[in-house]
Amino acid sequence: MAVYKAKKSNLKKLMSQRNTKLDDLSKKTNISTEQLNEYVDKKVMSLNNAMTVSKELNCKVEDLYEWKVSKE
């Protein structure tokens, strides 16, 4: 069985590719800019926020992070 762990956030890169600013994403998702900044830097999003952000950025939830995969 594979176990997935989020490593590095791709949020900044995805926002850049879509010409989306942090303030705009915050307004469209109702997630504070402070919280989004934490997601860019280090914190892993809750599933609810990841789904909201991915829909707004038109990507898959798994695109929001680089993943470490280990087999157990």
PDB file of N, CA and C in Angstrom:
ATOM      1  N   MET A   1       0.838  -1.174   0.000  1.00  0.00           N
ATOM      2  CA  MET A   1       0.000   0.000   0.000  1.00  0.00           C
ATOM      3  C   MET A   1       0.891   1.248   0.000  1.00  0.00           C
ATOM      4  N   ALA A   2       0.551   2.225  -0.797  1.00  0.00           N
ATOM      5  CA  ALA A   2       1.306   3.480  -0.869  1.00  0.00           C
ATOM      6  C   ALA A   2       0.748   4.469   0.151  1.00  0.00           C
ATOM      7  N   VAL A   3       1.651   5.180   0.800  1.00  0.00           N
ATOM      8  CA  VAL A   3       1.284   6.229   1.749  1.00  0.00           C
ATOM      9  C   VAL A   3       1.812   7.550   1.198  1.00  0.00           C
ATOM     10  N   TYR A   4       0.938   8.539   1.125  1.00  0.00           N
ATOM     11  CA  TYR A   4       1.288   9.839   0.547  1.00  0.00           C
ATOM     12  C   TYR A   4       1.416  10.882   1.646  1.00  0.00           C
ATOM     13  N   LYS A   5       2.459  11.710   1.539  1.00  0.00           N
ATOM     14  CA  LYS A   5       2.649  12.805   2.481  1.00  0.00           C
ATOM     15  C   LYS A   5       2.996  14.061   1.688  1.00  0.00           C
ATOM     16  N   ALA A   6       2.234  15.133   1.946  1.00  0.00           N
ATOM     17  CA  ALA A   6       2.492  16.407   1.270  1.00  0.00           C
ATOM     18  C   ALA A   6       3.852  16.935   1.694  1.00  0.00           C
ATOM     19  N   LYS A   7       4.659  17.333   0.705  1.00  0.00           N
ATOM     20  CA  LYS A   7       5.987  17.864   0.998  1.00  0.00           C
ATOM     21  C   LYS A   7       6.010  19.372   0.830  1.00  0.00           C
ATOM     22  N   LYS A   8       6.026  19.823  -0.388  1.00  0.00           N
ATOM     23  CA  LYS A   8       6.176  21.248  -0.687  1.00  0.00           C
ATOM     24  C   LYS A   8       4.932  21.751  -1.404  1.00  0.00           C
ATOM     25  N   SER A   9       4.497  22.931  -1.014  1.00  0.00           N
ATOM     26  CA  SER A   9       3.326  23.547  -1.628  1.00  0.00           C
ATOM     27  C   SER A   9       3.644  24.049  -3.030  1.00  0.00           C
ATOM     28  N   ASN A  10       2.733  23.804  -3.952  1.00  0.00           N
ATOM     29  CA  ASN A  10       2.815  24.344  -5.311  1.00  0.00           C
ATOM     30  C   ASN A  10       1.896  25.554  -5.486  1.00  0.00           C
ATOM     31  N   LEU A  11       1.331  26.029  -4.391  1.00  0.00           N
ATOM     32  CA  LEU A  11       0.326  27.081  -4.464  1.00  0.00           C
ATOM     33  C   LEU A  11       0.866  28.352  -5.131  1.00  0.00           C
ATOM     34  N   LYS A  12       2.037  28.784  -4.737  1.00  0.00           N
ATOM     35  CA  LYS A  12       2.617  30.002  -5.320  1.00  0.00           C
ATOM     36  C   LYS A  12       2.819  29.842  -6.824  1.00  0.00           C
ATOM     37  N   LYS A  13       3.332  28.686  -7.235  1.00  0.00           N
ATOM     38  CA  LYS A  13       3.566  28.419  -8.658  1.00  0.00           C
ATOM     39  C   LYS A  13       2.242  28.384  -9.428  1.00  0.00           C
ATOM     40  N   LEU A  14       1.242  27.709  -8.872  1.00  0.00           N
ATOM     41  CA  LEU A  14      -0.061  27.612  -9.541  1.00  0.00           C
ATOM     42  C   LEU A  14      -0.710  28.990  -9.671  1.00  0.00           C
ATOM     43  N   MET A  15      -0.608  29.800  -8.612  1.00  0.00           N
ATOM     44  CA  MET A  15      -1.172  31.148  -8.664  1.00  0.00           C
ATOM     45  C   MET A  15      -0.466  31.975  -9.733  1.00  0.00           C
ATOM     46  N   SER A  16       0.836  31.848  -9.825  1.00  0.00           N
ATOM     47  CA  SER A  16       1.601  32.585 -10.829  1.00  0.00           C
ATOM     48  C   SER A  16       1.205  32.164 -12.244  1.00  0.00           C
ATOM     49  N   GLN A  17       1.068  30.870 -12.461  1.00  0.00           N
ATOM     50  CA  GLN A  17       0.684  30.360 -13.774  1.00  0.00           C
ATOM     51  C   GLN A  17      -0.683  30.859 -14.205  1.00  0.00           C
ATOM     52  N   ARG A  18      -1.532  31.141 -13.232  1.00  0.00           N
ATOM     53  CA  ARG A  18      -2.898  31.573 -13.535  1.00  0.00           C
ATOM     54  C   ARG A  18      -3.090  33.077 -13.331  1.00  0.00           C
ATOM     55  N   ASN A  19      -1.979  33.781 -13.126  1.00  0.00           N
ATOM     56  CA  ASN A  19      -2.027  35.228 -12.901  1.00  0.00           C
ATOM     57  C   ASN A  19      -3.022  35.607 -11.813  1.00  0.00           C
ATOM     58  N   THR A  20      -2.980  34.860 -10.716  1.00  0.00           N
ATOM     59  CA  THR A  20      -3.875  35.091  -9.591  1.00  0.00           C
ATOM     60  C   THR A  20      -3.070  35.623  -8.418  1.00  0.00           C
ATOM     61  N   LYS A  21      -3.527  36.716  -7.845  1.00  0.00           N
ATOM     62  CA  LYS A  21      -2.862  37.296  -6.684  1.00  0.00           C
ATOM     63  C   LYS A  21      -3.474  36.728  -5.409  1.00  0.00           C
ATOM     64  N   LEU A  22      -2.686  36.746  -4.352  1.00  0.00           N
ATOM     65  CA  LEU A  22      -3.120  36.205  -3.066  1.00  0.00           C
ATOM     66  C   LEU A  22      -4.406  36.875  -2.586  1.00  0.00           C
ATOM     67  N   ASP A  23      -4.485  38.191  -2.719  1.00  0.00           N
ATOM     68  CA  ASP A  23      -5.687  38.917  -2.291  1.00  0.00           C
ATOM     69  C   ASP A  23      -6.920  38.453  -3.067  1.00  0.00           C
ATOM     70  N   ASP A  24      -6.754  38.243  -4.369  1.00  0.00           N
ATOM     71  CA  ASP A  24      -7.872  37.798  -5.200  1.00  0.00           C
ATOM     72  C   ASP A  24      -8.323  36.394  -4.803  1.00  0.00           C
ATOM     73  N   LEU A  25      -7.352  35.514  -4.594  1.00  0.00           N
ATOM     74  CA  LEU A  25      -7.692  34.145  -4.191  1.00  0.00           C
ATOM     75  C   LEU A  25      -8.387  34.148  -2.836  1.00  0.00           C
ATOM     76  N   SER A  26      -7.933  34.999  -1.956  1.00  0.00           N
ATOM     77  CA  SER A  26      -8.548  35.116  -0.638  1.00  0.00           C
ATOM     78  C   SER A  26     -10.017  35.530  -0.749  1.00  0.00           C
ATOM     79  N   LYS A  27     -10.280  36.526  -1.562  1.00  0.00           N
ATOM     80  CA  LYS A  27     -11.656  37.005  -1.736  1.00  0.00           C
ATOM     81  C   LYS A  27     -12.553  35.937  -2.365  1.00  0.00           C
ATOM     82  N   LYS A  28     -12.018  35.216  -3.334  1.00  0.00           N
ATOM     83  CA  LYS A  28     -12.820  34.227  -4.055  1.00  0.00           C
ATOM     84  C   LYS A  28     -13.070  32.953  -3.240  1.00  0.00           C
ATOM     85  N   THR A  29     -12.197  32.676  -2.276  1.00  0.00           N
ATOM     86  CA  THR A  29     -12.307  31.430  -1.514  1.00  0.00           C
ATOM     87  C   THR A  29     -12.761  31.633  -0.072  1.00  0.00           C
ATOM     88  N   ASN A  30     -12.808  32.891   0.376  1.00  0.00           N
ATOM     89  CA  ASN A  30     -13.110  33.195   1.777  1.00  0.00           C
ATOM     90  C   ASN A  30     -12.089  32.599   2.734  1.00  0.00           C
ATOM     91  N   ILE A  31     -10.849  32.450   2.271  1.00  0.00           N
ATOM     92  CA  ILE A  31      -9.738  32.012   3.114  1.00  0.00           C
ATOM     93  C   ILE A  31      -8.843  33.235   3.279  1.00  0.00           C
ATOM     94  N   SER A  32      -8.509  33.570   4.507  1.00  0.00           N
ATOM     95  CA  SER A  32      -7.744  34.791   4.758  1.00  0.00           C
ATOM     96  C   SER A  32      -6.389  34.762   4.053  1.00  0.00           C
ATOM     97  N   THR A  33      -5.880  35.942   3.747  1.00  0.00           N
ATOM     98  CA  THR A  33      -4.557  36.026   3.121  1.00  0.00           C
ATOM     99  C   THR A  33      -3.491  35.470   4.058  1.00  0.00           C
ATOM    100  N   GLU A  34      -3.680  35.653   5.356  1.00  0.00           N
ATOM    101  CA  GLU A  34      -2.731  35.108   6.328  1.00  0.00           C
ATOM    102  C   GLU A  34      -2.684  33.586   6.244  1.00  0.00           C
ATOM    103  N   GLN A  35      -3.862  32.986   6.162  1.00  0.00           N
ATOM    104  CA  GLN A  35      -3.938  31.520   6.069  1.00  0.00           C
ATOM    105  C   GLN A  35      -3.329  31.032   4.759  1.00  0.00           C
ATOM    106  N   LEU A  36      -3.644  31.709   3.672  1.00  0.00           N
ATOM    107  CA  LEU A  36      -3.077  31.320   2.375  1.00  0.00           C
ATOM    108  C   LEU A  36      -1.556  31.446   2.386  1.00  0.00           C
ATOM    109  N   ASN A  37      -1.038  32.486   3.033  1.00  0.00           N
ATOM    110  CA  ASN A  37       0.410  32.641   3.161  1.00  0.00           C
ATOM    111  C   ASN A  37       1.024  31.467   3.904  1.00  0.00           C
ATOM    112  N   GLU A  38       0.348  30.993   4.935  1.00  0.00           N
ATOM    113  CA  GLU A  38       0.840  29.826   5.668  1.00  0.00           C
ATOM    114  C   GLU A  38       0.862  28.592   4.767  1.00  0.00           C
ATOM    115  N   TYR A  39      -0.135  28.471   3.909  1.00  0.00           N
ATOM    116  CA  TYR A  39      -0.174  27.330   2.979  1.00  0.00           C
ATOM    117  C   TYR A  39       0.966  27.422   1.958  1.00  0.00           C
ATOM    118  N   VAL A  40       1.295  28.634   1.537  1.00  0.00           N
ATOM    119  CA  VAL A  40       2.400  28.819   0.593  1.00  0.00           C
ATOM    120  C   VAL A  40       3.721  28.436   1.259  1.00  0.00           C
ATOM    121  N   ASP A  41       3.870  28.820   2.519  1.00  0.00           N
ATOM    122  CA  ASP A  41       5.141  28.622   3.221  1.00  0.00           C
ATOM    123  C   ASP A  41       5.356  27.210   3.754  1.00  0.00           C
ATOM    124  N   LYS A  42       4.389  26.689   4.518  1.00  0.00           N
ATOM    125  CA  LYS A  42       4.686  25.422   5.182  1.00  0.00           C
ATOM    126  C   LYS A  42       3.483  24.587   5.587  1.00  0.00           C
ATOM    127  N   LYS A  43       2.387  25.203   5.908  1.00  0.00           N
ATOM    128  CA  LYS A  43       1.264  24.468   6.465  1.00  0.00           C
ATOM    129  C   LYS A  43       0.492  23.719   5.378  1.00  0.00           C
ATOM    130  N   VAL A  44       0.049  22.514   5.707  1.00  0.00           N
ATOM    131  CA  VAL A  44      -0.751  21.717   4.785  1.00  0.00           C
ATOM    132  C   VAL A  44      -2.222  22.100   4.958  1.00  0.00           C
ATOM    133  N   MET A  45      -2.907  22.299   3.854  1.00  0.00           N
ATOM    134  CA  MET A  45      -4.320  22.693   3.880  1.00  0.00           C
ATOM    135  C   MET A  45      -5.209  21.564   4.393  1.00  0.00           C
ATOM    136  N   SER A  46      -6.309  21.962   5.009  1.00  0.00           N
ATOM    137  CA  SER A  46      -7.352  20.985   5.300  1.00  0.00           C
ATOM    138  C   SER A  46      -7.929  20.521   3.957  1.00  0.00           C
ATOM    139  N   LEU A  47      -8.564  19.391   3.954  1.00  0.00           N
ATOM    140  CA  LEU A  47      -9.163  18.892   2.718  1.00  0.00           C
ATOM    141  C   LEU A  47     -10.207  19.865   2.189  1.00  0.00           C
ATOM    142  N   ASN A  48     -10.977  20.464   3.077  1.00  0.00           N
ATOM    143  CA  ASN A  48     -12.004  21.427   2.653  1.00  0.00           C
ATOM    144  C   ASN A  48     -11.376  22.621   1.942  1.00  0.00           C
ATOM    145  N   ASN A  49     -10.324  23.176   2.526  1.00  0.00           N
ATOM    146  CA  ASN A  49      -9.665  24.326   1.896  1.00  0.00           C
ATOM    147  C   ASN A  49      -8.950  23.923   0.621  1.00  0.00           C
ATOM    148  N   ALA A  50      -8.337  22.748   0.606  1.00  0.00           N
ATOM    149  CA  ALA A  50      -7.654  22.278  -0.607  1.00  0.00           C
ATOM    150  C   ALA A  50      -8.653  22.127  -1.753  1.00  0.00           C
ATOM    151  N   MET A  51      -9.811  21.597  -1.465  1.00  0.00           N
ATOM    152  CA  MET A  51     -10.837  21.435  -2.501  1.00  0.00           C
ATOM    153  C   MET A  51     -11.305  22.795  -3.003  1.00  0.00           C
ATOM    154  N   THR A  52     -11.513  23.740  -2.093  1.00  0.00           N
ATOM    155  CA  THR A  52     -11.950  25.086  -2.461  1.00  0.00           C
ATOM    156  C   THR A  52     -10.910  25.779  -3.331  1.00  0.00           C
ATOM    157  N   VAL A  53      -9.651  25.727  -2.915  1.00  0.00           N
ATOM    158  CA  VAL A  53      -8.571  26.371  -3.662  1.00  0.00           C
ATOM    159  C   VAL A  53      -8.378  25.705  -5.021  1.00  0.00           C
ATOM    160  N   SER A  54      -8.410  24.385  -5.053  1.00  0.00           N
ATOM    161  CA  SER A  54      -8.192  23.683  -6.327  1.00  0.00           C
ATOM    162  C   SER A  54      -9.300  24.004  -7.330  1.00  0.00           C
ATOM    163  N   LYS A  55     -10.518  24.114  -6.872  1.00  0.00           N
ATOM    164  CA  LYS A  55     -11.613  24.467  -7.784  1.00  0.00           C
ATOM    165  C   LYS A  55     -11.431  25.885  -8.319  1.00  0.00           C
ATOM    166  N   GLU A  56     -10.999  26.791  -7.465  1.00  0.00           N
ATOM    167  CA  GLU A  56     -10.792  28.184  -7.891  1.00  0.00           C
ATOM    168  C   GLU A  56      -9.619  28.298  -8.866  1.00  0.00           C
ATOM    169  N   LEU A  57      -8.574  27.482  -8.655  1.00  0.00           N
ATOM    170  CA  LEU A  57      -7.404  27.524  -9.537  1.00  0.00           C
ATOM    171  C   LEU A  57      -7.518  26.548 -10.705  1.00  0.00           C
ATOM    172  N   ASN A  58      -8.643  25.855 -10.776  1.00  0.00           N
ATOM    173  CA  ASN A  58      -8.897  24.923 -11.868  1.00  0.00           C
ATOM    174  C   ASN A  58      -7.783  23.860 -11.972  1.00  0.00           C
ATOM    175  N   CYS A  59      -7.529  23.202 -10.854  1.00  0.00           N
ATOM    176  CA  CYS A  59      -6.537  22.133 -10.824  1.00  0.00           C
ATOM    177  C   CYS A  59      -7.046  21.025  -9.910  1.00  0.00           C
ATOM    178  N   LYS A  60      -6.315  19.948  -9.840  1.00  0.00           N
ATOM    179  CA  LYS A  60      -6.656  18.849  -8.939  1.00  0.00           C
ATOM    180  C   LYS A  60      -6.072  19.133  -7.563  1.00  0.00           C
ATOM    181  N   VAL A  61      -6.696  18.587  -6.538  1.00  0.00           N
ATOM    182  CA  VAL A  61      -6.199  18.761  -5.181  1.00  0.00           C
ATOM    183  C   VAL A  61      -4.744  18.300  -5.095  1.00  0.00           C
ATOM    184  N   GLU A  62      -4.422  17.198  -5.731  1.00  0.00           N
ATOM    185  CA  GLU A  62      -3.056  16.666  -5.641  1.00  0.00           C
ATOM    186  C   GLU A  62      -2.027  17.559  -6.339  1.00  0.00           C
ATOM    187  N   ASP A  63      -2.489  18.486  -7.194  1.00  0.00           N
ATOM    188  CA  ASP A  63      -1.570  19.423  -7.848  1.00  0.00           C
ATOM    189  C   ASP A  63      -1.079  20.508  -6.888  1.00  0.00           C
ATOM    190  N   LEU A  64      -1.737  20.673  -5.758  1.00  0.00           N
ATOM    191  CA  LEU A  64      -1.395  21.735  -4.818  1.00  0.00           C
ATOM    192  C   LEU A  64      -0.082  21.486  -4.085  1.00  0.00           C
ATOM    193  N   TYR A  65       0.402  20.233  -4.112  1.00  0.00           N
ATOM    194  CA  TYR A  65       1.625  19.879  -3.380  1.00  0.00           C
ATOM    195  C   TYR A  65       2.503  18.949  -4.196  1.00  0.00           C
ATOM    196  N   GLU A  66       3.783  18.938  -3.840  1.00  0.00           N
ATOM    197  CA  GLU A  66       4.664  17.859  -4.245  1.00  0.00           C
ATOM    198  C   GLU A  66       4.463  16.779  -3.186  1.00  0.00           C
ATOM    199  N   TRP A  67       4.528  15.527  -3.588  1.00  0.00           N
ATOM    200  CA  TRP A  67       4.188  14.438  -2.682  1.00  0.00           C
ATOM    201  C   TRP A  67       5.355  13.477  -2.472  1.00  0.00           C
ATOM    202  N   LYS A  68       5.485  13.018  -1.252  1.00  0.00           N
ATOM    203  CA  LYS A  68       6.422  11.945  -0.932  1.00  0.00           C
ATOM    204  C   LYS A  68       5.587  10.673  -0.847  1.00  0.00           C
ATOM    205  N   VAL A  69       5.985   9.666  -1.583  1.00  0.00           N
ATOM    206  CA  VAL A  69       5.239   8.409  -1.597  1.00  0.00           C
ATOM    207  C   VAL A  69       6.132   7.327  -0.992  1.00  0.00           C
ATOM    208  N   SER A  70       5.604   6.662  -0.003  1.00  0.00           N
ATOM    209  CA  SER A  70       6.335   5.534   0.591  1.00  0.00           C
ATOM    210  C   SER A  70       5.440   4.306   0.524  1.00  0.00           C
ATOM    211  N   LYS A  71       6.061   3.184   0.408  1.00  0.00           N
ATOM    212  CA  LYS A  71       5.317   1.919   0.320  1.00  0.00           C
ATOM    213  C   LYS A  71       5.414   1.210   1.660  1.00  0.00           C
ATOM    214  N   GLU A  72       4.304   0.711   2.117  1.00  0.00           N
ATOM    215  CA  GLU A  72       4.280  -0.032   3.371  1.00  0.00           C
ATOM    216  C   GLU A  72       3.859  -1.453   3.137  1.00  0.00           C
TER     217      GLU A  72
END
